[in-house]
Amino acid sequence: HGRDGLDRLLMCVPSHVPVPPRSRPRKNLNLNPLPISSVAGFGAAYGTAKSGVGIASMGVMRPELVMKSIVPVVMAGVLGIYGLIVSVIIATNIHPTGYTLFQGYAHLGSGLTTGLAGLAAGMAIGIIGDAGVRANAQQPKLFTGMLLMLIFAEALALYGLIVGIILSSAGSSAGSE
């Protein structure tokens, strides 16, 4: 009766409807790792929005610097591409049969690494971009420093992408053996 109640809860089935028995053991339940790597898109969106607010605010005072200050928005947009790359790599290596638990966890780790690194980098790019473009409007000599900080923040996501590709390839090579 305990398992029947759990099945009803997981499937959102009312108590008067019979629940069919499980056709396969629960240990083969695989999570789809693809949505996890799309968390990098949240970082890209945050970085774009936060930097965009700074650019709009700075553009009121110094409209001639708006195009020069678009760099943080472009760098934040690249973060979403990192998540897309890992999602495509994972998606091409998922097969309906013979997908092991090790492959599932390797792909989940790959998506988490890339997604969370992209989220953190997007937050850093957004904050640096917002403060940097406002400061650049008051003191143009700060542009190089802002650019260097943005590059180092982007590097965090690039490290996550590299580790994600390594994890994904480890999972894929385990499935080909």
Protein backbone atom coordinates (compact mmCIF):
# COMPACT_ATOMS: atom_id res chain seq x y z
CA HIS A 1 0.00 0.00 0.00
CA GLY A 2 2.94 2.37 0.66
CA ARG A 3 4.26 2.09 -2.88
CA ASP A 4 0.77 2.54 -4.30
CA GLY A 5 0.39 5.80 -2.36
CA LEU A 6 3.76 7.05 -3.61
CA ASP A 7 2.83 6.23 -7.20
CA ARG A 8 -0.45 8.13 -6.80
CA LEU A 9 1.41 11.13 -5.40
CA LEU A 10 4.03 11.15 -8.15
CA MET A 11 1.51 10.72 -10.93
CA CYS A 12 -1.15 13.02 -9.38
CA VAL A 13 -3.77 10.26 -9.61
CA PRO A 14 -6.92 10.42 -7.45
CA SER A 15 -7.41 7.61 -4.96
CA HIS A 16 -10.40 6.02 -6.78
CA VAL A 17 -8.42 5.43 -10.04
CA PRO A 18 -6.39 2.19 -10.20
CA VAL A 19 -2.63 2.71 -10.65
CA PRO A 20 -0.87 0.39 -13.09
CA PRO A 21 2.20 -1.42 -11.74
CA ARG A 22 5.58 -0.12 -12.75
CA SER A 23 6.79 -1.59 -16.01
CA ARG A 24 10.46 -1.01 -15.16
CA PRO A 25 12.54 -0.61 -12.02
CA ARG A 26 12.92 2.93 -10.64
CA LYS A 27 16.73 2.73 -10.81
CA ASN A 28 16.52 3.23 -14.59
CA LEU A 29 14.74 6.57 -14.21
CA ASN A 30 16.87 9.13 -16.05
CA LEU A 31 16.71 12.89 -15.62
CA ASN A 32 16.92 14.97 -18.76
CA PRO A 33 20.09 17.08 -18.40
CA LEU A 34 19.29 19.45 -21.29
CA PRO A 35 17.25 22.04 -19.32
CA ILE A 36 20.05 22.31 -16.77
CA SER A 37 22.56 23.68 -19.30
CA SER A 38 20.03 26.31 -20.33
CA VAL A 39 20.58 27.98 -16.93
CA ALA A 40 23.43 29.75 -18.75
CA GLY A 41 20.68 31.59 -20.61
CA PHE A 42 19.47 33.03 -17.30
CA GLY A 43 22.97 34.39 -16.74
CA ALA A 44 22.98 35.88 -20.23
CA ALA A 45 19.58 37.48 -19.65
CA TYR A 46 20.58 38.93 -16.29
CA GLY A 47 23.87 40.27 -17.62
CA THR A 48 22.14 41.84 -20.61
CA ALA A 49 19.40 43.42 -18.50
CA LYS A 50 21.68 44.75 -15.78
CA SER A 51 24.20 46.14 -18.28
CA GLY A 52 21.39 47.57 -20.38
CA VAL A 53 20.09 49.54 -17.41
CA GLY A 54 23.55 51.05 -16.91
CA ILE A 55 23.86 51.87 -20.62
CA ALA A 56 20.45 53.54 -20.68
CA SER A 57 21.27 55.57 -17.60
CA MET A 58 24.66 56.57 -18.96
CA GLY A 59 23.19 57.37 -22.38
CA VAL A 60 21.16 60.20 -20.91
CA MET A 61 24.34 62.00 -19.85
CA ARG A 62 26.70 60.93 -22.66
CA PRO A 63 24.80 59.59 -25.71
CA GLU A 64 27.98 59.46 -27.81
CA LEU A 65 29.32 56.62 -25.59
CA VAL A 66 26.34 54.28 -25.99
CA MET A 67 27.79 52.21 -28.85
CA LYS A 68 31.17 51.97 -27.13
CA SER A 69 29.43 50.77 -23.96
CA ILE A 70 27.55 47.92 -25.65
CA VAL A 71 30.47 45.51 -24.94
CA PRO A 72 28.96 44.05 -21.70
CA VAL A 73 25.70 43.23 -23.50
CA VAL A 74 27.56 41.35 -26.24
CA MET A 75 29.68 39.47 -23.70
CA ALA A 76 26.59 38.49 -21.71
CA GLY A 77 24.92 37.21 -24.88
CA VAL A 78 27.78 34.80 -25.50
CA LEU A 79 26.96 32.99 -22.25
CA GLY A 80 23.72 31.66 -23.69
CA ILE A 81 25.68 30.21 -26.61
CA TYR A 82 27.84 28.23 -24.17
CA GLY A 83 24.72 26.57 -22.77
CA LEU A 84 23.48 25.87 -26.29
CA ILE A 85 26.77 24.21 -27.26
CA VAL A 86 26.68 21.83 -24.30
CA SER A 87 22.97 21.10 -24.85
CA VAL A 88 23.65 20.08 -28.45
CA ILE A 89 26.60 17.89 -27.40
CA ILE A 90 24.47 16.17 -24.76
CA ALA A 91 21.44 15.79 -27.04
CA THR A 92 23.47 14.08 -29.76
CA ASN A 93 24.73 11.52 -27.24
CA ILE A 94 21.41 10.51 -25.70
CA HIS A 95 19.99 7.30 -27.14
CA PRO A 96 16.67 5.70 -26.16
CA THR A 97 18.32 2.34 -25.48
CA GLY A 98 21.55 1.65 -23.66
CA TYR A 99 21.71 4.96 -21.78
CA THR A 100 23.47 4.11 -18.54
CA LEU A 101 23.23 5.74 -15.16
CA PHE A 102 26.87 6.85 -15.47
CA GLN A 103 26.10 8.60 -18.76
CA GLY A 104 23.08 10.28 -17.20
CA TYR A 105 25.07 11.64 -14.27
CA ALA A 106 27.98 12.68 -16.50
CA HIS A 107 25.59 14.60 -18.75
CA LEU A 108 23.78 16.09 -15.73
CA GLY A 109 27.12 17.22 -14.30
CA SER A 110 28.07 18.66 -17.67
CA GLY A 111 24.87 20.67 -17.87
CA LEU A 112 25.11 21.83 -14.26
CA THR A 113 28.72 22.91 -14.63
CA THR A 114 28.09 24.91 -17.78
CA GLY A 115 24.77 26.33 -16.63
CA LEU A 116 25.85 27.46 -13.17
CA ALA A 117 29.16 28.86 -14.45
CA GLY A 118 27.20 30.80 -17.07
CA LEU A 119 24.77 32.06 -14.45
CA ALA A 120 27.57 33.25 -12.16
CA ALA A 121 29.46 34.87 -15.04
CA GLY A 122 26.27 36.58 -16.23
CA MET A 123 25.70 38.06 -12.80
CA ALA A 124 29.31 39.28 -12.68
CA ILE A 125 29.13 40.73 -16.20
CA GLY A 126 25.88 42.49 -15.38
CA ILE A 127 27.20 44.11 -12.23
CA ILE A 128 30.55 45.05 -13.79
CA GLY A 129 28.85 46.30 -16.95
CA ASP A 130 26.33 48.42 -15.08
CA ALA A 131 28.88 50.08 -12.81
CA GLY A 132 31.56 50.16 -15.52
CA VAL A 133 29.61 52.02 -18.19
CA ARG A 134 28.38 54.57 -15.65
CA ALA A 135 31.94 55.12 -14.41
CA ASN A 136 33.21 55.30 -17.99
CA ALA A 137 30.81 58.16 -18.68
CA GLN A 138 32.41 60.16 -15.87
CA GLN A 139 36.03 59.08 -16.45
CA PRO A 140 36.88 57.68 -19.93
CA LYS A 141 40.21 56.26 -18.70
CA LEU A 142 38.26 53.52 -16.85
CA PHE A 143 37.19 51.80 -20.08
CA THR A 144 40.26 49.52 -20.26
CA GLY A 145 39.84 48.45 -16.64
CA MET A 146 36.16 47.69 -17.20
CA LEU A 147 37.02 45.66 -20.28
CA LEU A 148 39.60 43.59 -18.37
CA MET A 149 37.12 42.87 -15.58
CA LEU A 150 34.53 41.79 -18.15
CA ILE A 151 37.04 39.47 -19.82
CA PHE A 152 37.86 37.78 -16.52
CA ALA A 153 34.16 37.39 -15.71
CA GLU A 154 33.57 35.82 -19.15
CA ALA A 155 36.50 33.47 -18.52
CA LEU A 156 34.57 31.94 -15.59
CA ALA A 157 31.87 30.78 -18.00
CA LEU A 158 34.49 29.56 -20.45
CA TYR A 159 36.02 27.39 -17.71
CA GLY A 160 32.56 25.94 -17.04
CA LEU A 161 32.13 25.24 -20.75
CA ILE A 162 35.46 23.41 -20.93
CA VAL A 163 34.68 21.27 -17.87
CA GLY A 164 31.18 20.62 -19.25
CA ILE A 165 32.58 19.38 -22.55
CA ILE A 166 35.06 17.14 -20.73
CA LEU A 167 32.29 15.67 -18.55
CA SER A 168 30.01 15.18 -21.52
CA SER A 169 32.70 13.44 -23.54
CA ALA A 170 33.47 11.18 -20.55
CA GLY A 171 29.83 10.14 -20.43
CA SER A 172 29.70 9.63 -24.17
CA SER A 173 32.86 7.55 -24.29
CA ALA A 174 31.52 5.32 -21.50
CA GLY A 175 28.49 4.54 -23.65
CA SER A 176 30.58 3.54 -26.67
CA GLU A 177 32.52 0.83 -24.80
